Amino acid sequence: MKINALVNYWDKHASGRLTREPSLMSVCDRHHEYLERLSARYPLKTTQELLRDLISTALDELETSFPYEQGARVVALDEDGDEIYEDEGLTPRFVRLSQKHIQRLKSREVESAT
C-alpha cells in the first residue's frame, strides 16, 4: 500500500491480524500534532491504530522501494521469451527475514494459547 492510499484504507475501517506484543514510541512535537489532527479527522481510530497503520504502510512502501540487483540465475522467461534473473538485492533478504520473524511470532502465540 502506498502512503496516498492510506486515507482510503482508514475510511473503510480495515482491520488485520495483530501481534500480542505492544510497541511504545515517542514522536517529536510536530509529528504529535499531525497525529492529533488525524485523530480529529478519524475519531473512530485511536492514536495507536493510526501509528500502526502509518508504520505498516511505510514498511510496505519501503520493501517495494528496494532496488533490484540482478543475480546470475535465470528464474523465468517473460512474455517475449527474455530471461528474468533472480533479485539478489535487499528485497529477497528482507522477505526471508520477515518470514522468519512472522514464524517466531506465530509460534509465540501458539505457546501462549496452550
Protein backbone atom coordinates (compact mmCIF):
# COMPACT_ATOMS: atom_id res chain seq x y z
CA MET A 1 0.00 0.00 0.00
CA LYS A 2 1.23 3.48 -0.81
CA ILE A 3 1.00 6.38 1.63
CA ASN A 4 -1.54 8.13 -0.60
CA ALA A 5 -3.84 5.06 -0.37
CA LEU A 6 -3.75 5.03 3.42
CA VAL A 7 -6.61 7.51 3.85
CA ASN A 8 -8.84 5.28 1.72
CA TYR A 9 -7.84 2.35 3.91
CA TRP A 10 -8.79 4.24 7.05
CA ASP A 11 -12.07 5.38 5.51
CA LYS A 12 -13.05 1.74 5.01
CA HIS A 13 -12.09 0.81 8.62
CA ALA A 14 -9.95 -2.10 7.51
CA SER A 15 -8.61 -4.41 10.15
CA GLY A 16 -5.92 -7.05 10.23
CA ARG A 17 -4.23 -9.60 12.38
CA LEU A 18 -2.29 -8.04 15.25
CA THR A 19 0.57 -9.33 17.36
CA ARG A 20 0.12 -9.59 21.10
CA GLU A 21 3.27 -7.59 21.73
CA PRO A 22 2.57 -3.85 22.00
CA SER A 23 5.11 -1.31 20.80
CA LEU A 24 5.64 2.01 22.56
CA MET A 25 7.33 5.01 21.00
CA SER A 26 7.82 8.74 21.36
CA VAL A 27 7.44 11.17 18.48
CA CYS A 28 8.57 14.76 18.04
CA ASP A 29 6.14 17.60 18.75
CA ARG A 30 5.45 18.24 15.07
CA HIS A 31 4.50 14.61 14.41
CA HIS A 32 2.45 14.51 17.59
CA GLU A 33 0.46 17.45 16.20
CA TYR A 34 -0.06 15.56 12.92
CA LEU A 35 -1.38 12.59 14.88
CA GLU A 36 -3.73 14.85 16.82
CA ARG A 37 -5.12 16.22 13.56
CA LEU A 38 -5.52 12.73 12.14
CA SER A 39 -7.29 11.66 15.33
CA ALA A 40 -9.69 14.57 14.95
CA ARG A 41 -10.33 13.62 11.31
CA TYR A 42 -10.81 9.90 12.11
CA PRO A 43 -12.35 9.80 15.59
CA LEU A 44 -13.07 6.06 15.41
CA LYS A 45 -9.33 5.35 15.16
CA THR A 46 -7.12 5.53 18.23
CA THR A 47 -3.73 7.18 18.04
CA GLN A 48 -2.15 3.74 18.35
CA GLU A 49 -4.21 2.46 15.42
CA LEU A 50 -3.15 5.45 13.34
CA LEU A 51 0.51 4.87 14.23
CA ARG A 52 0.19 1.15 13.46
CA ASP A 53 -1.32 1.89 10.05
CA LEU A 54 1.27 4.53 9.23
CA ILE A 55 4.17 2.28 10.21
CA SER A 56 2.72 -0.71 8.34
CA THR A 57 2.21 1.36 5.22
CA ALA A 58 5.69 2.90 5.41
CA LEU A 59 7.28 -0.54 5.82
CA ASP A 60 5.30 -1.93 2.86
CA GLU A 61 6.39 1.02 0.75
CA LEU A 62 9.98 0.64 1.93
CA GLU A 63 10.02 -3.01 0.85
CA THR A 64 8.80 -2.15 -2.65
CA SER A 65 11.37 0.65 -2.96
CA PHE A 66 14.42 -1.59 -2.57
CA PRO A 67 16.45 -1.55 -5.80
CA TYR A 68 16.56 -4.68 -7.95
CA GLU A 69 20.01 -6.24 -8.18
CA GLN A 70 20.31 -8.77 -10.99
CA GLY A 71 21.61 -12.15 -9.91
CA ALA A 72 23.30 -14.81 -12.04
CA ARG A 73 20.45 -17.34 -12.07
CA VAL A 74 17.58 -17.19 -14.57
CA VAL A 75 14.29 -17.75 -12.72
CA ALA A 76 11.74 -17.23 -15.50
CA LEU A 77 11.09 -16.01 -19.01
CA ASP A 78 8.89 -13.01 -19.79
CA GLU A 79 6.13 -12.98 -22.42
CA ASP A 80 8.73 -12.15 -25.11
CA GLY A 81 10.98 -15.05 -24.11
CA ASP A 82 13.58 -12.81 -22.48
CA GLU A 83 15.32 -14.13 -19.39
CA ILE A 84 14.36 -12.81 -15.96
CA TYR A 85 17.14 -13.06 -13.42
CA GLU A 86 16.72 -13.55 -9.68
CA ASP A 87 16.93 -10.49 -7.47
CA GLU A 88 19.99 -10.59 -5.22
CA GLY A 89 19.27 -7.20 -3.66
CA LEU A 90 17.65 -6.23 -0.40
CA THR A 91 14.12 -7.39 -1.28
CA PRO A 92 14.66 -11.17 -1.04
CA ARG A 93 16.73 -10.79 2.12
CA PHE A 94 14.07 -8.57 3.66
CA VAL A 95 11.33 -11.07 2.72
CA ARG A 96 13.29 -14.00 4.23
CA LEU A 97 13.85 -12.10 7.47
CA SER A 98 10.20 -11.04 7.58
CA GLN A 99 9.05 -14.64 7.16
CA LYS A 100 11.44 -15.78 9.87
CA HIS A 101 10.10 -13.23 12.34
CA ILE A 102 6.47 -13.91 11.41
CA GLN A 103 7.04 -17.59 12.18
CA ARG A 104 8.62 -16.64 15.51
CA LEU A 105 5.61 -14.50 16.41
CA LYS A 106 3.18 -17.24 15.37
CA SER A 107 4.99 -19.83 17.49
CA ARG A 108 4.84 -17.48 20.49
CA GLU A 109 1.09 -17.11 20.02
CA VAL A 110 0.64 -20.89 19.87
CA GLU A 111 2.75 -21.30 23.01
CA SER A 112 0.79 -18.65 24.90
CA ALA A 113 -2.56 -20.19 23.84
CA THR A 114 -1.67 -23.56 25.37
